[in-house]
């Protein structure tokens, strides 16, 4: 018993020190948020047929009013069925409930890691198209380009378009 008491005291002391080291932690570093910006001279415009009976064909036109060509790149988005551009959000008109992208209860889709790389010529435009299968109804479609340019992260939003599918 005499030999056991010092051993127990030493174990209690070391255990307390180990507990103190593990319970006191340095604050975690906060991740740096990169704010997406709109590069000078670039603008986006969305268009789609107002009435349709089939898939909605959305076109996002990116215009470059500057005197230099701009290279844009975008990865595939796993929340958008692996599409790189244009990205969309479809809202039911009136209720503004989100129809697309669907709320996922499980894992997001795994996409290829390739990049969409397009150049917008100086004084010209670039057209990106996407087809959406929507059930019959009245919708607002928000669309944008989100990716990279020479200025870093960019987001080029377009005005929403209204579509009726019958």
Protein backbone atom coordinates (compact mmCIF):
# COMPACT_ATOMS: atom_id res chain seq x y z
CA UNK A 1 0.00 0.00 0.00
CA UNK A 2 2.92 2.34 0.74
CA UNK A 3 4.23 1.92 -2.82
CA UNK A 4 0.76 2.35 -4.33
CA UNK A 5 -0.04 5.74 -2.77
CA UNK A 6 2.79 7.71 -4.47
CA UNK A 7 1.88 6.03 -7.76
CA UNK A 8 -1.77 7.09 -7.42
CA UNK A 9 -0.78 10.66 -6.52
CA UNK A 10 1.50 10.84 -9.54
CA UNK A 11 -1.23 9.48 -11.84
CA UNK A 12 -3.76 11.99 -10.48
CA UNK A 13 -1.29 14.84 -10.95
CA UNK A 14 -0.38 13.83 -14.51
CA UNK A 15 -4.01 13.15 -15.37
CA UNK A 16 -5.01 16.61 -14.18
CA UNK A 17 -2.18 18.23 -16.16
CA UNK A 18 -3.13 16.29 -19.26
CA UNK A 19 -6.77 17.29 -18.77
CA UNK A 20 -5.79 20.95 -18.34
CA UNK A 21 -3.74 20.89 -21.55
CA UNK A 22 -6.50 19.28 -23.55
CA UNK A 23 -9.28 21.51 -22.23
CA UNK A 24 -7.50 24.83 -22.83
CA UNK A 25 -7.23 25.45 -26.53
CA UNK A 26 -6.20 28.42 -28.57
CA UNK A 27 -8.99 30.06 -30.54
CA UNK A 28 -9.35 28.67 -34.03
CA UNK A 29 -8.31 31.01 -36.81
CA UNK A 30 -11.25 32.46 -38.69
CA UNK A 31 -11.19 31.66 -42.40
CA UNK A 32 -10.62 34.62 -44.65
CA UNK A 33 -13.72 35.31 -46.73
CA UNK A 34 -13.01 36.39 -50.25
CA UNK A 35 -15.67 38.73 -51.46
CA UNK A 36 -16.75 38.14 -55.04
CA UNK A 37 -16.65 41.27 -57.11
CA UNK A 38 -17.83 42.41 -60.52
CA UNK A 39 -14.85 43.18 -62.78
CA UNK A 40 -14.85 46.62 -64.40
CA UNK A 41 -16.57 46.61 -67.76
CA UNK A 42 -18.39 43.27 -67.39
CA UNK A 43 -22.17 42.93 -67.10
CA UNK A 44 -24.64 40.05 -67.40
CA UNK A 45 -28.09 39.79 -68.96
CA UNK A 46 -30.40 36.75 -68.79
CA UNK A 47 -33.02 35.81 -71.36
CA UNK A 48 -35.53 32.98 -71.69
CA UNK A 49 -38.83 32.53 -73.52
CA UNK A 50 -41.70 34.03 -71.50
CA UNK A 51 -44.01 31.07 -72.27
CA UNK A 52 -42.95 27.51 -73.02
CA UNK A 53 -44.31 23.98 -72.93
CA UNK A 54 -40.98 22.18 -72.82
CA UNK A 55 -37.64 22.62 -71.10
CA UNK A 56 -36.76 26.26 -70.38
CA UNK A 57 -33.72 27.38 -72.36
CA UNK A 58 -31.94 30.11 -70.40
CA UNK A 59 -29.19 32.22 -71.96
CA UNK A 60 -26.81 34.30 -69.86
CA UNK A 61 -25.00 36.91 -71.96
CA UNK A 62 -21.87 38.46 -70.51
CA UNK A 63 -20.89 41.74 -72.15
CA UNK A 64 -17.43 43.27 -71.98
CA UNK A 65 -17.43 47.07 -72.39
CA UNK A 66 -13.70 47.40 -71.64
CA UNK A 67 -10.90 47.64 -74.19
CA UNK A 68 -9.26 44.39 -73.00
CA UNK A 69 -10.44 40.82 -73.35
CA UNK A 70 -11.30 39.09 -70.08
CA UNK A 71 -10.78 35.40 -69.32
CA UNK A 72 -13.39 33.84 -67.04
CA UNK A 73 -13.18 30.41 -65.44
CA UNK A 74 -15.60 28.45 -63.29
CA UNK A 75 -15.57 25.03 -61.63
CA UNK A 76 -18.52 22.67 -61.81
CA UNK A 77 -21.03 23.23 -59.00
CA UNK A 78 -22.17 20.10 -57.16
CA UNK A 79 -25.39 21.81 -56.02
CA UNK A 80 -26.31 22.61 -59.64
CA UNK A 81 -26.10 19.12 -61.16
CA UNK A 82 -22.42 19.63 -62.04
CA UNK A 83 -23.03 22.63 -64.30
CA UNK A 84 -20.28 25.26 -64.38
CA UNK A 85 -22.24 28.22 -65.77
CA UNK A 86 -24.71 29.81 -65.69
CA UNK A 87 -25.78 29.09 -62.12
CA UNK A 88 -29.47 29.48 -61.38
CA UNK A 89 -32.07 29.61 -58.66
CA UNK A 90 -35.68 29.06 -59.66
CA UNK A 91 -38.41 30.54 -57.49
CA UNK A 92 -42.12 29.90 -57.70
CA UNK A 93 -43.74 33.22 -58.62
CA UNK A 94 -45.99 34.55 -55.88
CA UNK A 95 -44.78 32.34 -53.04
CA UNK A 96 -41.03 32.71 -53.76
CA UNK A 97 -40.46 29.14 -52.60
CA UNK A 98 -37.29 27.67 -54.11
CA UNK A 99 -37.96 25.08 -56.81
CA UNK A 100 -34.34 24.64 -57.98
CA UNK A 101 -31.76 23.76 -56.79
CA UNK A 102 -33.63 21.16 -54.78
CA UNK A 103 -33.01 20.94 -51.06
CA UNK A 104 -30.74 17.94 -50.62
CA UNK A 105 -31.07 15.74 -47.62
CA UNK A 106 -28.03 13.62 -48.43
CA UNK A 107 -24.63 14.16 -50.02
CA UNK A 108 -24.17 16.58 -52.88
CA UNK A 109 -23.30 15.25 -56.32
CA UNK A 110 -19.65 14.48 -57.01
CA UNK A 111 -18.51 16.41 -60.08
CA UNK A 112 -15.51 16.25 -62.36
CA UNK A 113 -12.80 18.69 -61.39
CA UNK A 114 -12.43 20.30 -64.82
CA UNK A 115 -12.92 24.03 -65.29
CA UNK A 116 -14.98 25.97 -67.78
CA UNK A 117 -12.66 28.59 -69.29
CA UNK A 118 -14.08 31.20 -71.66
CA UNK A 119 -12.80 34.49 -73.00
CA UNK A 120 -14.99 37.56 -73.37
CA UNK A 121 -13.50 39.66 -76.20
CA UNK A 122 -12.96 43.39 -75.78
CA UNK A 123 -16.18 45.17 -76.73
CA UNK A 124 -17.86 41.78 -77.31
CA UNK A 125 -19.97 39.27 -75.45
CA UNK A 126 -20.12 35.64 -74.40
CA UNK A 127 -23.29 33.54 -74.35
CA UNK A 128 -23.74 30.69 -71.85
CA UNK A 129 -26.82 28.47 -72.15
CA UNK A 130 -28.62 26.11 -69.87
CA UNK A 131 -31.73 23.99 -70.18
CA UNK A 132 -34.04 23.54 -67.17
CA UNK A 133 -36.79 20.92 -66.86
CA UNK A 134 -39.51 22.54 -64.77
CA UNK A 135 -43.03 21.33 -64.00
CA UNK A 136 -45.98 23.42 -65.17
CA UNK A 137 -46.15 26.73 -63.29
CA UNK A 138 -45.06 30.36 -63.13
CA UNK A 139 -41.42 31.01 -62.13
CA UNK A 140 -38.76 33.64 -61.58
CA UNK A 141 -35.31 32.48 -62.65
CA UNK A 142 -32.31 34.16 -61.06
CA UNK A 143 -29.04 33.53 -62.89
CA UNK A 144 -25.41 34.53 -62.53
CA UNK A 145 -21.86 33.63 -63.43
CA UNK A 146 -19.69 32.75 -60.45
CA UNK A 147 -16.03 31.94 -60.87
CA UNK A 148 -12.65 33.57 -61.39
CA UNK A 149 -11.19 36.35 -63.51
CA UNK A 150 -7.97 38.36 -63.47
CA UNK A 151 -9.42 40.35 -60.54
CA UNK A 152 -9.94 37.20 -58.42
CA UNK A 153 -13.33 35.79 -57.43
CA UNK A 154 -16.15 37.26 -59.48
CA UNK A 155 -19.93 37.10 -59.44
CA UNK A 156 -21.88 38.55 -62.36
CA UNK A 157 -25.58 38.60 -61.51
CA UNK A 158 -28.32 39.20 -64.08
CA UNK A 159 -31.83 40.51 -63.57
CA UNK A 160 -34.33 37.68 -62.92
CA UNK A 161 -36.53 36.53 -65.81
CA UNK A 162 -40.13 35.39 -65.52
CA UNK A 163 -41.17 32.18 -67.23
CA UNK A 164 -44.48 30.33 -67.50
CA UNK A 165 -44.36 26.62 -68.24
CA UNK A 166 -47.59 24.89 -69.25
